[in-house]
Amino acid sequence: MELNGNQTATDVNQTKPIRCIVKLGGAAITCKNELEKINEENLEIVSTQLRQALLSSDKVVGMDWSKRPGISDIACNVAGFRDKLRVDSTNFIVVHGGGSFGHFQASNSGVHKGGLQQPLVKAGFVATRISVTTLNLEIVRALAREGIPSVGMSPFSCGWSTSGGNLPVADLSVVAKTIKSGFVPVLHGDAVLDDVQGCTILSGDVIMRHLAAYMKPDYVVFLTDVLGVYSHPPTEPNAVLLREIAVGEDGSWSITKPTLQHMNNQVEITVAAHDTTGGMVTKISEAAMIAKLGIDVYIVKAASSHSVKALSGELREKIPDDWLGTVIHFSREEVQ
């Protein structure tokens, strides 16, 4: 990926070191089978866990000063900030998927296939962005209520565009400046312009890889609606949780824990018909490319005790036997 304008990789790396980039899976924070419905309980737990794992203060002073549906008062604790010398912030980035937001609009109009000259596609582009930015706002508000200084950032509004579905150019200067100013950027999968086909959908998983490549976080966490990566769809009785995957220098990968016979790295994965971003297939592919950079990746169930350990970074020292999730890491040894 190239950098726009006068921006260089050095400029991006001059920002404060990034501790972690977190992906909130759409299926984990929304009710994926109910159109545009947020999983409020999961989102609240995830927001609390992010604060506990990544901020230094236990005191919560909310930053969402807007009116909420069904609540007459606005929570604006100005006095709480007068006593604070600074707003606590450990440098991290949040990216989220769409879940039940955006996918319906995109798949029904064919936005992911391009063709902006078609009225249906153009209307779908607008509808998709309305949907995904609505979800982004609600996630920013949930994080802000936990005292996390979150700022929503849309790839389209940042000027990101693709070429034939690939992301060759992305201006990261605004993201870097946002982090340097003490905020937590909250990005999301988005409808973007494409040089070849007019438009497409840029998935949050692809965004994760590009951010990791240039921001060089200590580790990356994917929060999902299941415990991790399975050998088969987790609803099937023969599905086995893959605890550890090693990625070689050539990008090839192998299952190192548990030892499975007759697998040959073939993991059977299903993708929902309305998912225009590739689902778990894209997630594993992008996670492997991040691991190839020497950055450990943890795929774990959101709002669980296992996700707390992944978010806090304690798994970097040692992965306990009772931890349930998938770690993907780089291995210099030849991957079988």
Protein backbone atom coordinates (compact mmCIF):
# COMPACT_ATOMS: atom_id res chain seq x y z
CA MET A 1 0.00 0.00 0.00
CA GLU A 2 1.27 3.45 -0.90
CA LEU A 3 0.77 6.60 1.12
CA ASN A 4 -0.90 9.70 -0.26
CA GLY A 5 0.59 13.13 -0.83
CA ASN A 6 3.72 13.97 1.12
CA GLN A 7 3.01 11.33 3.76
CA THR A 8 5.67 8.68 4.31
CA ALA A 9 5.89 5.54 6.38
CA THR A 10 8.32 7.45 8.61
CA ASP A 11 5.70 10.13 9.25
CA VAL A 12 3.18 7.50 10.32
CA ASN A 13 5.68 5.70 12.52
CA GLN A 14 6.55 8.96 14.29
CA THR A 15 3.25 8.73 16.13
CA LYS A 16 3.26 7.19 19.61
CA PRO A 17 3.76 3.41 19.66
CA ILE A 18 0.50 1.54 19.12
CA ARG A 19 -0.23 -1.05 21.74
CA CYS A 20 -3.08 -2.86 20.04
CA ILE A 21 -5.49 -2.77 17.11
CA VAL A 22 -8.85 -4.33 17.94
CA LYS A 23 -11.43 -5.58 15.45
CA LEU A 24 -15.00 -5.76 16.74
CA GLY A 25 -16.63 -8.41 14.59
CA GLY A 26 -20.00 -7.42 13.21
CA ALA A 27 -21.58 -10.71 14.29
CA ALA A 28 -20.36 -10.11 17.86
CA ILE A 29 -21.75 -6.61 18.35
CA THR A 30 -24.95 -6.84 16.29
CA CYS A 31 -27.78 -9.33 15.98
CA LYS A 32 -26.77 -10.49 12.52
CA ASN A 33 -30.13 -12.07 11.67
CA GLU A 34 -32.09 -8.95 12.64
CA LEU A 35 -31.69 -5.97 10.32
CA GLU A 36 -29.82 -3.08 11.93
CA LYS A 37 -30.11 -4.34 15.49
CA ILE A 38 -27.21 -3.86 17.90
CA ASN A 39 -26.36 -6.49 20.49
CA GLU A 40 -26.49 -3.93 23.30
CA GLU A 41 -25.35 -6.34 26.01
CA ASN A 42 -22.27 -7.49 24.11
CA LEU A 43 -21.34 -3.98 23.03
CA GLU A 44 -21.54 -2.73 26.61
CA ILE A 45 -19.39 -5.59 27.91
CA VAL A 46 -16.84 -5.18 25.11
CA SER A 47 -16.60 -1.43 25.78
CA THR A 48 -16.03 -2.07 29.48
CA GLN A 49 -13.37 -4.69 28.75
CA LEU A 50 -11.57 -2.32 26.39
CA ARG A 51 -11.46 0.33 29.09
CA GLN A 52 -10.26 -2.11 31.75
CA ALA A 53 -7.60 -3.64 29.50
CA LEU A 54 -6.28 -0.60 27.69
CA LEU A 55 -6.78 2.43 29.94
CA SER A 56 -4.84 3.06 33.13
CA SER A 57 -7.67 4.51 35.24
CA ASP A 58 -10.57 2.60 36.79
CA LYS A 59 -12.61 5.76 37.24
CA VAL A 60 -15.23 6.14 34.51
CA VAL A 61 -16.10 9.67 33.42
CA GLY A 62 -18.40 9.41 30.43
CA MET A 63 -17.96 11.45 27.26
CA ASP A 64 -21.30 10.80 25.57
CA TRP A 65 -23.19 14.00 26.29
CA SER A 66 -25.97 13.40 23.77
CA LYS A 67 -29.54 12.40 24.48
CA ARG A 68 -30.27 8.68 24.31
CA PRO A 69 -33.60 7.10 23.32
CA GLY A 70 -35.81 6.46 26.34
CA ILE A 71 -33.62 8.55 28.67
CA SER A 72 -34.70 12.09 29.41
CA ASP A 73 -31.50 13.37 31.01
CA ILE A 74 -28.14 13.96 29.35
CA ALA A 75 -25.18 12.53 31.29
CA CYS A 76 -22.72 15.43 31.35
CA ASN A 77 -20.34 15.19 34.31
CA VAL A 78 -18.36 18.38 33.83
CA ALA A 79 -17.15 18.31 37.45
CA GLY A 80 -15.59 14.90 36.88
CA PHE A 81 -13.18 16.39 34.36
CA ARG A 82 -12.19 19.39 36.49
CA ASP A 83 -10.43 16.99 38.88
CA LYS A 84 -8.56 15.17 36.12
CA LEU A 85 -5.09 16.32 35.11
CA ARG A 86 -5.35 14.43 31.82
CA VAL A 87 -7.56 12.00 29.96
CA ASP A 88 -6.16 8.48 30.30
CA SER A 89 -5.30 6.90 26.99
CA THR A 90 -3.22 3.94 25.90
CA ASN A 91 -2.66 4.14 22.17
CA PHE A 92 -4.94 1.72 20.40
CA ILE A 93 -7.22 1.63 17.38
CA VAL A 94 -10.67 0.11 17.02
CA VAL A 95 -12.08 -1.20 13.74
CA HIS A 96 -15.54 -2.75 13.49
CA GLY A 97 -17.47 -4.78 11.00
CA GLY A 98 -21.01 -4.16 9.83
CA GLY A 99 -22.88 -7.23 11.02
CA SER A 100 -26.56 -6.54 10.39
CA PHE A 101 -25.70 -3.00 9.25
CA GLY A 102 -24.69 -2.34 5.65
CA HIS A 103 -24.52 -5.89 4.31
CA PHE A 104 -28.22 -6.01 3.44
CA GLN A 105 -28.06 -2.71 1.56
CA ALA A 106 -24.83 -3.61 -0.24
CA SER A 107 -25.87 -7.11 -1.31
CA ASN A 108 -29.30 -6.06 -2.54
CA SER A 109 -27.89 -3.28 -4.71
CA GLY A 110 -24.63 -4.92 -5.80
CA VAL A 111 -22.39 -2.16 -4.46
CA HIS A 112 -19.55 -4.66 -3.93
CA LYS A 113 -19.62 -5.50 -7.65
CA GLY A 114 -19.34 -1.88 -8.80
CA GLY A 115 -21.23 -0.06 -11.54
CA LEU A 116 -21.93 3.38 -10.06
CA GLN A 117 -23.55 4.47 -13.32
CA GLN A 118 -26.50 2.24 -12.44
CA PRO A 119 -29.15 4.05 -10.34
CA LEU A 120 -29.67 1.02 -8.07
CA VAL A 121 -25.96 0.77 -7.28
CA LYS A 122 -25.67 4.50 -6.60
CA ALA A 123 -28.70 4.39 -4.31
CA GLY A 124 -27.27 1.31 -2.59
CA PHE A 125 -23.95 3.08 -2.06
CA VAL A 126 -25.74 5.90 -0.24
CA ALA A 127 -27.92 3.47 1.74
CA THR A 128 -24.92 1.34 2.74
CA ARG A 129 -22.99 4.32 4.04
CA ILE A 130 -26.01 5.58 6.00
CA SER A 131 -26.27 2.17 7.65
CA VAL A 132 -22.59 1.60 8.51
CA THR A 133 -22.02 5.14 9.76
CA THR A 134 -25.09 4.79 11.98
CA LEU A 135 -23.50 1.75 13.60
CA ASN A 136 -20.16 3.55 13.86
CA LEU A 137 -21.79 6.39 15.79
CA GLU A 138 -23.40 3.97 18.26
CA ILE A 139 -20.10 2.18 18.86
CA VAL A 140 -18.30 5.48 19.40
CA ARG A 141 -20.99 6.46 21.89
CA ALA A 142 -20.71 3.15 23.76
CA LEU A 143 -16.93 3.57 24.05
CA ALA A 144 -17.31 7.21 25.07
CA ARG A 145 -19.68 6.24 27.89
CA GLU A 146 -16.79 4.18 29.26
CA GLY A 147 -14.51 7.21 29.22
CA ILE A 148 -12.64 6.16 26.08
CA PRO A 149 -11.90 9.30 23.97
CA SER A 150 -13.26 7.80 20.75
CA VAL A 151 -13.54 9.48 17.36
CA GLY A 152 -15.41 7.87 14.48
CA MET A 153 -13.51 7.79 11.18
CA SER A 154 -14.98 6.58 7.89
CA PRO A 155 -12.60 5.31 5.17
CA PHE A 156 -14.68 7.05 2.47
CA SER A 157 -14.50 10.40 4.29
CA CYS A 158 -10.75 9.93 4.80
CA GLY A 159 -10.37 9.67 1.03
CA TRP A 160 -9.55 5.97 0.92
CA SER A 161 -10.28 4.29 -2.41
CA THR A 162 -9.60 0.92 -4.02
CA SER A 163 -8.47 -0.27 -7.43
CA GLY A 164 -10.08 -3.45 -8.67
CA GLY A 165 -11.14 -4.23 -5.12
CA ASN A 166 -7.61 -3.82 -3.72
CA LEU A 167 -6.44 -1.01 -1.45
CA PRO A 168 -3.26 0.42 -3.02
CA VAL A 169 -3.64 3.89 -1.50
CA ALA A 170 -4.81 4.98 1.95
CA ASP A 171 -3.99 8.27 3.62
CA LEU A 172 -3.13 7.38 7.22
CA SER A 173 -2.07 10.89 8.21
CA VAL A 174 -5.45 11.69 9.80
CA VAL A 175 -5.40 8.43 11.75
CA ALA A 176 -1.85 9.12 12.96
CA LYS A 177 -2.70 12.70 13.92
CA THR A 178 -5.81 11.53 15.78
CA ILE A 179 -3.76 9.08 17.85
CA LYS A 180 -1.05 11.67 18.49
CA SER A 181 -3.74 14.02 19.83
CA GLY A 182 -4.80 11.42 22.39
CA PHE A 183 -7.92 10.06 20.72
CA VAL A 184 -8.88 6.51 19.82
CA PRO A 185 -9.80 6.21 16.11
CA VAL A 186 -12.83 4.01 15.46
CA LEU A 187 -12.88 2.91 11.82
CA HIS A 188 -15.27 0.58 10.02
CA GLY A 189 -15.93 -1.38 6.87
CA ASP A 190 -17.28 1.06 4.31
CA ALA A 191 -18.52 1.63 0.77
CA VAL A 192 -15.70 3.33 -1.15
CA LEU A 193 -14.92 4.48 -4.67
CA ASP A 194 -12.94 2.15 -6.92
CA ASP A 195 -10.75 3.25 -9.86
CA VAL A 196 -11.66 0.21 -11.95
CA GLN A 197 -15.24 -0.75 -11.16
CA GLY A 198 -16.58 2.51 -9.76
CA CYS A 199 -17.21 1.36 -6.21
CA THR A 200 -16.90 -1.58 -3.84
CA ILE A 201 -17.02 -2.59 -0.18
CA LEU A 202 -13.82 -2.19 1.83
CA SER A 203 -13.98 -4.71 4.68
CA GLY A 204 -12.86 -4.03 8.21
CA ASP A 205 -10.52 -7.03 8.03
CA VAL A 206 -8.64 -5.52 5.08
CA ILE A 207 -8.43 -2.23 6.97
CA MET A 208 -6.92 -4.14 9.92
CA ARG A 209 -4.10 -5.48 7.77
CA HIS A 210 -3.18 -2.09 6.32
CA LEU A 211 -3.26 -0.39 9.71
CA ALA A 212 -1.09 -3.13 11.19
CA ALA A 213 1.44 -2.87 8.36
CA TYR A 214 2.08 0.83 8.94
CA MET A 215 1.18 1.37 12.60
CA LYS A 216 3.16 -1.70 13.83
CA PRO A 217 1.06 -2.51 16.93
CA ASP A 218 2.40 -4.82 19.63
CA TYR A 219 -0.47 -7.23 18.94
CA VAL A 220 -3.84 -7.49 17.20
CA VAL A 221 -7.14 -8.87 18.52
CA PHE A 222 -10.16 -10.00 16.49
CA LEU A 223 -13.29 -10.23 18.65
CA THR A 224 -15.85 -12.61 17.12
CA ASP A 225 -19.10 -14.37 18.00
CA VAL A 226 -17.34 -17.76 18.37
CA LEU A 227 -14.33 -18.94 20.38
CA GLY A 228 -11.95 -18.73 17.45
CA VAL A 229 -11.14 -20.49 14.18
CA TYR A 230 -12.60 -23.97 13.79
CA SER A 231 -11.72 -26.86 11.50
CA HIS A 232 -15.36 -26.89 10.31
CA PRO A 233 -18.32 -24.56 10.93
CA PRO A 234 -18.66 -24.52 14.76
CA THR A 235 -22.26 -25.72 14.56
CA GLU A 236 -21.08 -29.07 13.17
CA PRO A 237 -20.39 -31.88 15.69
CA ASN A 238 -16.91 -32.63 14.29
CA ALA A 239 -15.72 -29.01 14.53
CA VAL A 240 -12.43 -28.58 16.40
CA LEU A 241 -11.14 -25.28 17.79
CA LEU A 242 -7.74 -24.50 16.23
CA ARG A 243 -5.68 -23.18 19.11
CA GLU A 244 -2.53 -22.19 17.23
CA ILE A 245 -1.69 -21.43 13.59
CA ALA A 246 1.85 -20.73 12.38
CA VAL A 247 2.52 -18.54 9.34
CA GLY A 248 5.72 -18.92 7.34
CA GLU A 249 7.82 -16.33 5.51
CA ASP A 250 6.11 -17.22 2.23
CA GLY A 251 2.66 -16.65 3.71
CA SER A 252 1.79 -20.33 3.95
CA TRP A 253 0.30 -21.48 7.22
CA SER A 254 -0.19 -24.65 9.21
CA ILE A 255 -2.16 -25.78 12.24
CA THR A 256 0.29 -26.42 15.08
CA LYS A 257 -2.17 -26.98 17.91
CA PRO A 258 -4.01 -29.30 18.20
CA THR A 259 -2.44 -31.94 16.00
CA LEU A 260 -5.03 -32.95 13.42
CA GLN A 261 -4.63 -35.74 10.94
CA HIS A 262 -5.78 -35.53 7.32
CA MET A 263 -6.30 -31.74 7.52
CA ASN A 264 -3.62 -30.42 5.10
CA ASN A 265 -4.50 -26.86 6.17
CA GLN A 266 -7.98 -27.24 4.67
CA VAL A 267 -10.41 -25.45 6.93
CA GLU A 268 -14.06 -25.62 5.89
CA ILE A 269 -15.71 -22.23 6.28
CA THR A 270 -19.15 -20.97 5.36
CA VAL A 271 -20.05 -17.40 4.43
CA ALA A 272 -23.53 -15.96 4.88
CA ALA A 273 -25.28 -15.17 1.60
CA HIS A 274 -25.66 -11.48 2.49
CA ASP A 275 -22.02 -11.05 3.61
CA THR A 276 -20.31 -8.95 0.93
CA THR A 277 -16.91 -8.93 2.69
CA GLY A 278 -15.94 -12.62 2.73
CA GLY A 279 -16.67 -13.37 6.40
CA MET A 280 -14.25 -15.69 8.23
CA VAL A 281 -12.43 -16.50 4.97
CA THR A 282 -11.21 -12.91 4.69
CA LYS A 283 -10.55 -12.72 8.42
CA ILE A 284 -8.15 -15.70 8.43
CA SER A 285 -6.40 -14.51 5.26
CA GLU A 286 -5.85 -10.99 6.58
CA ALA A 287 -4.87 -12.26 10.06
CA ALA A 288 -2.23 -14.50 8.47
CA MET A 289 -0.79 -11.54 6.56
CA ILE A 290 -0.62 -9.54 9.80
CA ALA A 291 1.15 -12.43 11.56
CA LYS A 292 3.64 -12.58 8.69
CA LEU A 293 4.72 -9.08 9.77
CA GLY A 294 5.79 -10.55 13.11
CA ILE A 295 2.67 -9.32 14.94
CA ASP A 296 0.78 -11.90 17.01
CA VAL A 297 -2.94 -12.12 16.23
CA TYR A 298 -5.59 -13.39 18.65
CA ILE A 299 -9.03 -14.45 17.44
CA VAL A 300 -11.34 -14.86 20.41
CA LYS A 301 -14.96 -14.66 21.49
CA ALA A 302 -16.11 -11.16 22.38
CA ALA A 303 -17.40 -10.32 25.85
CA SER A 304 -15.74 -13.39 27.39
CA SER A 305 -13.06 -13.94 30.03
CA HIS A 306 -10.82 -15.16 27.20
CA SER A 307 -11.14 -11.84 25.34
CA VAL A 308 -10.05 -9.93 28.46
CA LYS A 309 -6.74 -11.80 28.48
CA ALA A 310 -6.20 -11.18 24.79
CA LEU A 311 -6.99 -7.45 25.04
CA SER A 312 -4.75 -6.90 28.07
CA GLY A 313 -1.72 -8.34 26.28
CA GLU A 314 -0.99 -10.93 28.96
CA LEU A 315 -1.09 -13.73 26.35
CA ARG A 316 2.10 -12.35 24.84
CA GLU A 317 4.04 -13.76 27.80
CA LYS A 318 2.38 -17.16 27.98
CA ILE A 319 -0.86 -18.66 26.72
CA PRO A 320 -2.50 -20.61 29.56
CA ASP A 321 -3.86 -24.07 28.83
CA ASP A 322 -7.39 -23.01 29.77
CA TRP A 323 -7.44 -20.06 27.35
CA LEU A 324 -9.87 -20.67 24.50
CA GLY A 325 -9.19 -18.88 21.26
CA THR A 326 -6.90 -18.98 18.24
CA VAL A 327 -3.46 -17.41 18.13
CA ILE A 328 -1.83 -16.84 14.74
CA HIS A 329 1.88 -16.11 14.82
CA PHE A 330 4.91 -15.89 12.57
CA SER A 331 7.33 -18.80 12.38
CA ARG A 332 10.75 -18.70 10.72
CA GLU A 333 10.74 -22.47 10.60
CA GLU A 334 9.44 -24.09 7.43
CA VAL A 335 5.68 -24.41 7.65
CA GLN A 336 4.44 -27.86 6.75
